[in-house]
PDB file of N, CA and C in Angstrom:
ATOM      1  N   MET A   1       0.853  -1.151   0.000  1.00  0.00           N
ATOM      2  CA  MET A   1       0.000   0.000   0.000  1.00  0.00           C
ATOM      3  C   MET A   1       0.905   1.220   0.000  1.00  0.00           C
ATOM      4  N   ARG A   2       0.698   2.129  -0.956  1.00  0.00           N
ATOM      5  CA  ARG A   2       1.456   3.388  -1.011  1.00  0.00           C
ATOM      6  C   ARG A   2       0.513   4.511  -0.623  1.00  0.00           C
ATOM      7  N   LEU A   3       0.852   5.222   0.426  1.00  0.00           N
ATOM      8  CA  LEU A   3      -0.030   6.241   0.980  1.00  0.00           C
ATOM      9  C   LEU A   3       0.460   7.647   0.664  1.00  0.00           C
ATOM     10  N   THR A   4      -0.486   8.501   0.253  1.00  0.00           N
ATOM     11  CA  THR A   4      -0.222   9.923   0.085  1.00  0.00           C
ATOM     12  C   THR A   4      -1.059  10.676   1.108  1.00  0.00           C
ATOM     13  N   PRO A   5      -0.416  11.189   2.175  1.00  0.00           N
ATOM     14  CA  PRO A   5      -1.171  11.984   3.138  1.00  0.00           C
ATOM     15  C   PRO A   5      -1.459  13.364   2.570  1.00  0.00           C
ATOM     16  N   ARG A   6      -2.437  14.037   3.135  1.00  0.00           N
ATOM     17  CA  ARG A   6      -2.873  15.359   2.644  1.00  0.00           C
ATOM     18  C   ARG A   6      -3.177  15.294   1.151  1.00  0.00           C
ATOM     19  N   GLY A   7      -3.835  14.220   0.738  1.00  0.00           N
ATOM     20  CA  GLY A   7      -4.118  13.992  -0.669  1.00  0.00           C
ATOM     21  C   GLY A   7      -5.392  14.663  -1.162  1.00  0.00           C
ATOM     22  N   GLY A   8      -6.073  15.440  -0.326  1.00  0.00           N
ATOM     23  CA  GLY A   8      -7.263  16.165  -0.758  1.00  0.00           C
ATOM     24  C   GLY A   8      -8.563  15.400  -0.592  1.00  0.00           C
ATOM     25  N   ARG A   9      -8.483  14.083  -0.569  1.00  0.00           N
ATOM     26  CA  ARG A   9      -9.675  13.249  -0.403  1.00  0.00           C
ATOM     27  C   ARG A   9      -9.221  11.877   0.075  1.00  0.00           C
ATOM     28  N   ASP A  10     -10.157  11.128   0.611  1.00  0.00           N
ATOM     29  CA  ASP A  10      -9.859   9.761   1.019  1.00  0.00           C
ATOM     30  C   ASP A  10     -10.285   8.835  -0.115  1.00  0.00           C
ATOM     31  N   ALA A  11      -9.319   8.171  -0.749  1.00  0.00           N
ATOM     32  CA  ALA A  11      -9.651   7.322  -1.896  1.00  0.00           C
ATOM     33  C   ALA A  11      -8.549   6.311  -2.170  1.00  0.00           C
ATOM     34  N   ILE A  12      -8.944   5.216  -2.786  1.00  0.00           N
ATOM     35  CA  ILE A  12      -8.000   4.238  -3.318  1.00  0.00           C
ATOM     36  C   ILE A  12      -7.913   4.515  -4.811  1.00  0.00           C
ATOM     37  N   ASP A  13      -6.691   4.746  -5.287  1.00  0.00           N
ATOM     38  CA  ASP A  13      -6.488   5.185  -6.664  1.00  0.00           C
ATOM     39  C   ASP A  13      -6.007   4.105  -7.616  1.00  0.00           C
ATOM     40  N   GLY A  14      -6.061   2.849  -7.208  1.00  0.00           N
ATOM     41  CA  GLY A  14      -5.672   1.776  -8.115  1.00  0.00           C
ATOM     42  C   GLY A  14      -4.369   1.121  -7.713  1.00  0.00           C
ATOM     43  N   VAL A  15      -3.696   0.539  -8.695  1.00  0.00           N
ATOM     44  CA  VAL A  15      -2.465  -0.212  -8.460  1.00  0.00           C
ATOM     45  C   VAL A  15      -1.310   0.522  -9.133  1.00  0.00           C
ATOM     46  N   GLU A  16      -0.157   0.505  -8.477  1.00  0.00           N
ATOM     47  CA  GLU A  16       1.034   1.148  -9.015  1.00  0.00           C
ATOM     48  C   GLU A  16       2.198   0.171  -8.928  1.00  0.00           C
ATOM     49  N   ALA A  17       3.036   0.157  -9.976  1.00  0.00           N
ATOM     50  CA  ALA A  17       4.255  -0.655  -9.947  1.00  0.00           C
ATOM     51  C   ALA A  17       5.394   0.216  -9.424  1.00  0.00           C
ATOM     52  N   LEU A  18       6.071  -0.266  -8.400  1.00  0.00           N
ATOM     53  CA  LEU A  18       7.202   0.457  -7.835  1.00  0.00           C
ATOM     54  C   LEU A  18       8.461   0.175  -8.645  1.00  0.00           C
ATOM     55  N   ALA A  19       9.497   0.965  -8.421  1.00  0.00           N
ATOM     56  CA  ALA A  19      10.758   0.813  -9.159  1.00  0.00           C
ATOM     57  C   ALA A  19      11.392  -0.559  -8.947  1.00  0.00           C
ATOM     58  N   ASP A  20      11.143  -1.176  -7.789  1.00  0.00           N
ATOM     59  CA  ASP A  20      11.738  -2.480  -7.516  1.00  0.00           C
ATOM     60  C   ASP A  20      10.906  -3.646  -8.057  1.00  0.00           C
ATOM     61  N   GLY A  21       9.813  -3.330  -8.773  1.00  0.00           N
ATOM     62  CA  GLY A  21       8.990  -4.358  -9.391  1.00  0.00           C
ATOM     63  C   GLY A  21       7.772  -4.779  -8.593  1.00  0.00           C
ATOM     64  N   ARG A  22       7.686  -4.366  -7.325  1.00  0.00           N
ATOM     65  CA  ARG A  22       6.515  -4.705  -6.517  1.00  0.00           C
ATOM     66  C   ARG A  22       5.315  -3.888  -6.978  1.00  0.00           C
ATOM     67  N   CYS A  23       4.144  -4.449  -6.876  1.00  0.00           N
ATOM     68  CA  CYS A  23       2.904  -3.737  -7.158  1.00  0.00           C
ATOM     69  C   CYS A  23       2.203  -3.455  -5.834  1.00  0.00           C
ATOM     70  N   VAL A  24       1.701  -2.242  -5.706  1.00  0.00           N
ATOM     71  CA  VAL A  24       1.037  -1.828  -4.473  1.00  0.00           C
ATOM     72  C   VAL A  24      -0.251  -1.089  -4.807  1.00  0.00           C
ATOM     73  N   LEU A  25      -1.187  -1.107  -3.847  1.00  0.00           N
ATOM     74  CA  LEU A  25      -2.371  -0.258  -3.971  1.00  0.00           C
ATOM     75  C   LEU A  25      -1.961   1.164  -3.662  1.00  0.00           C
ATOM     76  N   LYS A  26      -2.457   2.125  -4.430  1.00  0.00           N
ATOM     77  CA  LYS A  26      -2.219   3.539  -4.148  1.00  0.00           C
ATOM     78  C   LYS A  26      -3.435   4.084  -3.416  1.00  0.00           C
ATOM     79  N   ALA A  27      -3.179   4.799  -2.338  1.00  0.00           N
ATOM     80  CA  ALA A  27      -4.269   5.409  -1.583  1.00  0.00           C
ATOM     81  C   ALA A  27      -3.868   6.818  -1.186  1.00  0.00           C
ATOM     82  N   ARG A  28      -4.880   7.651  -0.996  1.00  0.00           N
ATOM     83  CA  ARG A  28      -4.655   9.007  -0.504  1.00  0.00           C
ATOM     84  C   ARG A  28      -5.670   9.280   0.591  1.00  0.00           C
ATOM     85  N   VAL A  29      -5.232  10.071   1.563  1.00  0.00           N
ATOM     86  CA  VAL A  29      -6.116  10.473   2.653  1.00  0.00           C
ATOM     87  C   VAL A  29      -5.955  11.968   2.885  1.00  0.00           C
ATOM     88  N   ARG A  30      -7.007  12.584   3.439  1.00  0.00           N
ATOM     89  CA  ARG A  30      -6.956  14.013   3.748  1.00  0.00           C
ATOM     90  C   ARG A  30      -6.087  14.301   4.962  1.00  0.00           C
ATOM     91  N   ALA A  31      -5.945  13.353   5.851  1.00  0.00           N
ATOM     92  CA  ALA A  31      -5.244  13.554   7.116  1.00  0.00           C
ATOM     93  C   ALA A  31      -3.760  13.851   6.911  1.00  0.00           C
ATOM     94  N   ALA A  32      -3.218  14.609   7.859  1.00  0.00           N
ATOM     95  CA  ALA A  32      -1.784  14.911   7.866  1.00  0.00           C
ATOM     96  C   ALA A  32      -1.012  13.714   8.411  1.00  0.00           C
ATOM     97  N   PRO A  33       0.283  13.621   8.068  1.00  0.00           N
ATOM     98  CA  PRO A  33       1.064  12.478   8.527  1.00  0.00           C
ATOM     99  C   PRO A  33       1.562  12.597   9.963  1.00  0.00           C
ATOM    100  N   SER A  34       1.045  13.520  10.731  1.00  0.00           N
ATOM    101  CA  SER A  34       1.529  13.693  12.100  1.00  0.00           C
ATOM    102  C   SER A  34       0.722  12.852  13.095  1.00  0.00           C
ATOM    103  N   GLU A  35       1.429  12.356  14.105  1.00  0.00           N
ATOM    104  CA  GLU A  35       0.837  11.604  15.204  1.00  0.00           C
ATOM    105  C   GLU A  35      -0.011  10.404  14.756  1.00  0.00           C
ATOM    106  N   GLY A  36       0.334   9.823  13.621  1.00  0.00           N
ATOM    107  CA  GLY A  36      -0.368   8.635  13.151  1.00  0.00           C
ATOM    108  C   GLY A  36      -1.742   8.883  12.551  1.00  0.00           C
ATOM    109  N   GLU A  37      -2.095  10.151  12.322  1.00  0.00           N
ATOM    110  CA  GLU A  37      -3.424  10.467  11.779  1.00  0.00           C
ATOM    111  C   GLU A  37      -3.637   9.879  10.393  1.00  0.00           C
ATOM    112  N   ALA A  38      -2.636   9.989   9.529  1.00  0.00           N
ATOM    113  CA  ALA A  38      -2.766   9.463   8.167  1.00  0.00           C
ATOM    114  C   ALA A  38      -2.869   7.935   8.187  1.00  0.00           C
ATOM    115  N   ASN A  39      -2.099   7.285   9.045  1.00  0.00           N
ATOM    116  CA  ASN A  39      -2.169   5.824   9.145  1.00  0.00           C
ATOM    117  C   ASN A  39      -3.545   5.385   9.621  1.00  0.00           C
ATOM    118  N   ALA A  40      -4.096   6.082  10.606  1.00  0.00           N
ATOM    119  CA  ALA A  40      -5.434   5.740  11.112  1.00  0.00           C
ATOM    120  C   ALA A  40      -6.486   5.947  10.026  1.00  0.00           C
ATOM    121  N   ALA A  41      -6.354   7.032   9.260  1.00  0.00           N
ATOM    122  CA  ALA A  41      -7.297   7.291   8.174  1.00  0.00           C
ATOM    123  C   ALA A  41      -7.191   6.213   7.100  1.00  0.00           C
ATOM    124  N   LEU A  42      -5.965   5.774   6.811  1.00  0.00           N
ATOM    125  CA  LEU A  42      -5.764   4.704   5.834  1.00  0.00           C
ATOM    126  C   LEU A  42      -6.428   3.413   6.294  1.00  0.00           C
ATOM    127  N   MET A  43      -6.261   3.070   7.551  1.00  0.00           N
ATOM    128  CA  MET A  43      -6.854   1.830   8.062  1.00  0.00           C
ATOM    129  C   MET A  43      -8.380   1.893   8.016  1.00  0.00           C
ATOM    130  N   ARG A  44      -8.956   3.061   8.299  1.00  0.00           N
ATOM    131  CA  ARG A  44     -10.418   3.214   8.186  1.00  0.00           C
ATOM    132  C   ARG A  44     -10.858   3.082   6.729  1.00  0.00           C
ATOM    133  N   LEU A  45     -10.098   3.671   5.809  1.00  0.00           N
ATOM    134  CA  LEU A  45     -10.421   3.602   4.380  1.00  0.00           C
ATOM    135  C   LEU A  45     -10.386   2.156   3.885  1.00  0.00           C
ATOM    136  N   ILE A  46      -9.360   1.424   4.244  1.00  0.00           N
ATOM    137  CA  ILE A  46      -9.235   0.025   3.813  1.00  0.00           C
ATOM    138  C   ILE A  46     -10.331  -0.824   4.440  1.00  0.00           C
ATOM    139  N   ALA A  47     -10.647  -0.573   5.705  1.00  0.00           N
ATOM    140  CA  ALA A  47     -11.715  -1.323   6.360  1.00  0.00           C
ATOM    141  C   ALA A  47     -13.033  -1.118   5.635  1.00  0.00           C
ATOM    142  N   LYS A  48     -13.327   0.110   5.298  1.00  0.00           N
ATOM    143  CA  LYS A  48     -14.576   0.407   4.585  1.00  0.00           C
ATOM    144  C   LYS A  48     -14.587  -0.283   3.221  1.00  0.00           C
ATOM    145  N   ALA A  49     -13.471  -0.190   2.502  1.00  0.00           N
ATOM    146  CA  ALA A  49     -13.381  -0.787   1.169  1.00  0.00           C
ATOM    147  C   ALA A  49     -13.493  -2.309   1.211  1.00  0.00           C
ATOM    148  N   ALA A  50     -12.920  -2.915   2.249  1.00  0.00           N
ATOM    149  CA  ALA A  50     -12.929  -4.376   2.360  1.00  0.00           C
ATOM    150  C   ALA A  50     -14.192  -4.900   3.021  1.00  0.00           C
ATOM    151  N   GLY A  51     -15.001  -4.002   3.564  1.00  0.00           N
ATOM    152  CA  GLY A  51     -16.238  -4.429   4.198  1.00  0.00           C
ATOM    153  C   GLY A  51     -16.034  -5.098   5.551  1.00  0.00           C
ATOM    154  N   VAL A  52     -14.994  -4.644   6.270  1.00  0.00           N
ATOM    155  CA  VAL A  52     -14.721  -5.185   7.604  1.00  0.00           C
ATOM    156  C   VAL A  52     -14.733  -4.044   8.611  1.00  0.00           C
ATOM    157  N   PRO A  53     -14.901  -4.346   9.895  1.00  0.00           N
ATOM    158  CA  PRO A  53     -14.824  -3.292  10.911  1.00  0.00           C
ATOM    159  C   PRO A  53     -13.401  -2.742  10.988  1.00  0.00           C
ATOM    160  N   PRO A  54     -13.245  -1.474  11.337  1.00  0.00           N
ATOM    161  CA  PRO A  54     -11.899  -0.885  11.437  1.00  0.00           C
ATOM    162  C   PRO A  54     -10.969  -1.648  12.377  1.00  0.00           C
ATOM    163  N   ARG A  55     -11.509  -2.299  13.396  1.00  0.00           N
ATOM    164  CA  ARG A  55     -10.656  -3.047  14.329  1.00  0.00           C
ATOM    165  C   ARG A  55      -9.984  -4.250  13.655  1.00  0.00           C
ATOM    166  N   ASP A  56     -10.483  -4.658  12.473  1.00  0.00           N
ATOM    167  CA  ASP A  56      -9.917  -5.804  11.761  1.00  0.00           C
ATOM    168  C   ASP A  56      -8.790  -5.435  10.805  1.00  0.00           C
ATOM    169  N   VAL A  57      -8.385  -4.164  10.806  1.00  0.00           N
ATOM    170  CA  VAL A  57      -7.276  -3.711   9.966  1.00  0.00           C
ATOM    171  C   VAL A  57      -6.167  -3.217  10.880  1.00  0.00           C
ATOM    172  N   ALA A  58      -4.957  -3.733  10.685  1.00  0.00           N
ATOM    173  CA  ALA A  58      -3.824  -3.352  11.521  1.00  0.00           C
ATOM    174  C   ALA A  58      -2.623  -2.996  10.651  1.00  0.00           C
ATOM    175  N   LEU A  59      -1.850  -2.048  11.109  1.00  0.00           N
ATOM    176  CA  LEU A  59      -0.624  -1.651  10.435  1.00  0.00           C
ATOM    177  C   LEU A  59       0.474  -2.632  10.840  1.00  0.00           C
ATOM    178  N   ALA A  60       1.019  -3.350   9.867  1.00  0.00           N
ATOM    179  CA  ALA A  60       2.034  -4.366  10.157  1.00  0.00           C
ATOM    180  C   ALA A  60       3.442  -3.877   9.853  1.00  0.00           C
ATOM    181  N   GLY A  61       3.567  -2.789   9.114  1.00  0.00           N
ATOM    182  CA  GLY A  61       4.890  -2.267   8.789  1.00  0.00           C
ATOM    183  C   GLY A  61       4.798  -0.965   8.021  1.00  0.00           C
ATOM    184  N   GLY A  62       5.846  -0.151   8.163  1.00  0.00           N
ATOM    185  CA  GLY A  62       5.913   1.095   7.420  1.00  0.00           C
ATOM    186  C   GLY A  62       5.224   2.269   8.085  1.00  0.00           C
ATOM    187  N   ALA A  63       5.218   2.308   9.395  1.00  0.00           N
ATOM    188  CA  ALA A  63       4.498   3.357  10.123  1.00  0.00           C
ATOM    189  C   ALA A  63       4.932   4.763   9.706  1.00  0.00           C
ATOM    190  N   THR A  64       6.208   4.952   9.393  1.00  0.00           N
ATOM    191  CA  THR A  64       6.682   6.282   9.011  1.00  0.00           C
ATOM    192  C   THR A  64       7.092   6.367   7.544  1.00  0.00           C
ATOM    193  N   ALA A  65       6.839   5.324   6.786  1.00  0.00           N
ATOM    194  CA  ALA A  65       7.203   5.295   5.363  1.00  0.00           C
ATOM    195  C   ALA A  65       5.960   5.488   4.498  1.00  0.00           C
ATOM    196  N   ARG A  66       6.170   5.799   3.224  1.00  0.00           N
ATOM    197  CA  ARG A  66       5.041   5.920   2.300  1.00  0.00           C
ATOM    198  C   ARG A  66       4.430   4.561   1.972  1.00  0.00           C
ATOM    199  N   VAL A  67       5.284   3.549   1.863  1.00  0.00           N
ATOM    200  CA  VAL A  67       4.807   2.204   1.551  1.00  0.00           C
ATOM    201  C   VAL A  67       4.517   1.494   2.871  1.00  0.00           C
ATOM    202  N   LYS A  68       3.290   1.060   3.026  1.00  0.00           N
ATOM    203  CA  LYS A  68       2.822   0.455   4.269  1.00  0.00           C
ATOM    204  C   LYS A  68       2.425  -0.994   4.014  1.00  0.00           C
ATOM    205  N   ARG A  69       2.428  -1.766   5.081  1.00  0.00           N
ATOM    206  CA  ARG A  69       1.946  -3.133   5.010  1.00  0.00           C
ATOM    207  C   ARG A  69       0.816  -3.259   6.020  1.00  0.00           C
ATOM    208  N   LEU A  70      -0.340  -3.681   5.559  1.00  0.00           N
ATOM    209  CA  LEU A  70      -1.508  -3.822   6.414  1.00  0.00           C
ATOM    210  C   LEU A  70      -1.919  -5.281   6.497  1.00  0.00           C
ATOM    211  N   VAL A  71      -2.526  -5.642   7.621  1.00  0.00           N
ATOM    212  CA  VAL A  71      -3.103  -6.963   7.800  1.00  0.00           C
ATOM    213  C   VAL A  71      -4.605  -6.755   7.970  1.00  0.00           C
ATOM    214  N   VAL A  72      -5.385  -7.434   7.130  1.00  0.00           N
ATOM    215  CA  VAL A  72      -6.844  -7.342   7.195  1.00  0.00           C
ATOM    216  C   VAL A  72      -7.369  -8.704   7.619  1.00  0.00           C
ATOM    217  N   SER A  73      -8.080  -8.729   8.742  1.00  0.00           N
ATOM    218  CA  SER A  73      -8.652  -9.975   9.251  1.00  0.00           C
ATOM    219  C   SER A  73     -10.078 -10.129   8.749  1.00  0.00           C
ATOM    220  N   GLY A  74     -10.492 -11.351   8.538  1.00  0.00           N
ATOM    221  CA  GLY A  74     -11.849 -11.617   8.094  1.00  0.00           C
ATOM    222  C   GLY A  74     -11.872 -12.729   7.071  1.00  0.00           C
ATOM    223  N   ASP A  75     -12.969 -12.826   6.356  1.00  0.00           N
ATOM    224  CA  ASP A  75     -13.152 -13.849   5.337  1.00  0.00           C
ATOM    225  C   ASP A  75     -12.330 -13.485   4.102  1.00  0.00           C
ATOM    226  N   GLY A  76     -11.260 -14.232   3.859  1.00  0.00           N
ATOM    227  CA  GLY A  76     -10.322 -13.938   2.786  1.00  0.00           C
ATOM    228  C   GLY A  76     -10.948 -13.731   1.418  1.00  0.00           C
ATOM    229  N   PRO A  77     -11.747 -14.673   0.910  1.00  0.00           N
ATOM    230  CA  PRO A  77     -12.326 -14.507  -0.416  1.00  0.00           C
ATOM    231  C   PRO A  77     -13.225 -13.259  -0.531  1.00  0.00           C
ATOM    232  N   THR A  78     -13.946 -12.938   0.531  1.00  0.00           N
ATOM    233  CA  THR A  78     -14.808 -11.758   0.505  1.00  0.00           C
ATOM    234  C   THR A  78     -13.973 -10.485   0.446  1.00  0.00           C
ATOM    235  N   ILE A  79     -12.892 -10.437   1.216  1.00  0.00           N
ATOM    236  CA  ILE A  79     -12.012  -9.264   1.223  1.00  0.00           C
ATOM    237  C   ILE A  79     -11.333  -9.102  -0.123  1.00  0.00           C
ATOM    238  N   VAL A  80     -10.841 -10.194  -0.680  1.00  0.00           N
ATOM    239  CA  VAL A  80     -10.186 -10.146  -1.993  1.00  0.00           C
ATOM    240  C   VAL A  80     -11.164  -9.655  -3.054  1.00  0.00           C
ATOM    241  N   ALA A  81     -12.379 -10.159  -3.044  1.00  0.00           N
ATOM    242  CA  ALA A  81     -13.382  -9.738  -4.032  1.00  0.00           C
ATOM    243  C   ALA A  81     -13.681  -8.250  -3.910  1.00  0.00           C
ATOM    244  N   ALA A  82     -13.796  -7.743  -2.684  1.00  0.00           N
ATOM    245  CA  ALA A  82     -14.077  -6.328  -2.479  1.00  0.00           C
ATOM    246  C   ALA A  82     -12.924  -5.466  -2.994  1.00  0.00           C
ATOM    247  N   LEU A  83     -11.693  -5.855  -2.707  1.00  0.00           N
ATOM    248  CA  LEU A  83     -10.546  -5.071  -3.159  1.00  0.00           C
ATOM    249  C   LEU A  83     -10.355  -5.162  -4.674  1.00  0.00           C
ATOM    250  N   GLU A  84     -10.611  -6.330  -5.259  1.00  0.00           N
ATOM    251  CA  GLU A  84     -10.511  -6.444  -6.719  1.00  0.00           C
ATOM    252  C   GLU A  84     -11.546  -5.567  -7.403  1.00  0.00           C
ATOM    253  N   LYS A  85     -12.723  -5.455  -6.819  1.00  0.00           N
ATOM    254  CA  LYS A  85     -13.762  -4.597  -7.390  1.00  0.00           C
ATOM    255  C   LYS A  85     -13.312  -3.130  -7.380  1.00  0.00           C
ATOM    256  N   ILE A  86     -12.637  -2.723  -6.312  1.00  0.00           N
ATOM    257  CA  ILE A  86     -12.172  -1.344  -6.193  1.00  0.00           C
ATOM    258  C   ILE A  86     -11.120  -1.026  -7.245  1.00  0.00           C
ATOM    259  N   VAL A  87     -10.200  -1.943  -7.485  1.00  0.00           N
ATOM    260  CA  VAL A  87      -9.115  -1.669  -8.427  1.00  0.00           C
ATOM    261  C   VAL A  87      -9.484  -2.024  -9.866  1.00  0.00           C
ATOM    262  N   GLY A  88     -10.714  -2.490 -10.070  1.00  0.00           N
ATOM    263  CA  GLY A  88     -11.201  -2.721 -11.421  1.00  0.00           C
ATOM    264  C   GLY A  88     -10.840  -4.040 -12.029  1.00  0.00           C
ATOM    265  N   ARG A  89     -10.543  -5.021 -11.221  1.00  0.00           N
ATOM    266  CA  ARG A  89     -10.276  -6.355 -11.757  1.00  0.00           C
ATOM    267  C   ARG A  89     -11.526  -7.196 -11.626  1.00  0.00           C
ATOM    268  N   PRO A  90     -11.815  -8.001 -12.633  1.00  0.00           N
ATOM    269  CA  PRO A  90     -13.019  -8.846 -12.591  1.00  0.00           C
ATOM    270  C   PRO A  90     -12.944  -9.961 -11.584  1.00  0.00           C
TER     271      PRO A  90
END
C-alpha cells in the first residue's frame, strides 16, 4: 500500500508498480502524517473498502514510510473480491 497523506480526499487510486517491481495499492487520505493520523485514516479507508470493521485492519509495517503493510482480518475470499472490485479487476 502506497499512501499519500494530505491527498485532498480519502480514496484508493488503483495499483502502481514500484521501481523495484513490486505492485502496491495507491491510496490518498486528507489527514496529515503527524501523530499517526494518516495511518489511522488509511486503516479506516481500507476497512470500509474491504467491508470489515476498522478493528480488523492493523498496520504491520511502514508506520513512518510511504509504503505500508496492512493486515486485514476476516473472510479472505470476501475481502479479496471487495478489493478487486475497487481496483477494477473482474
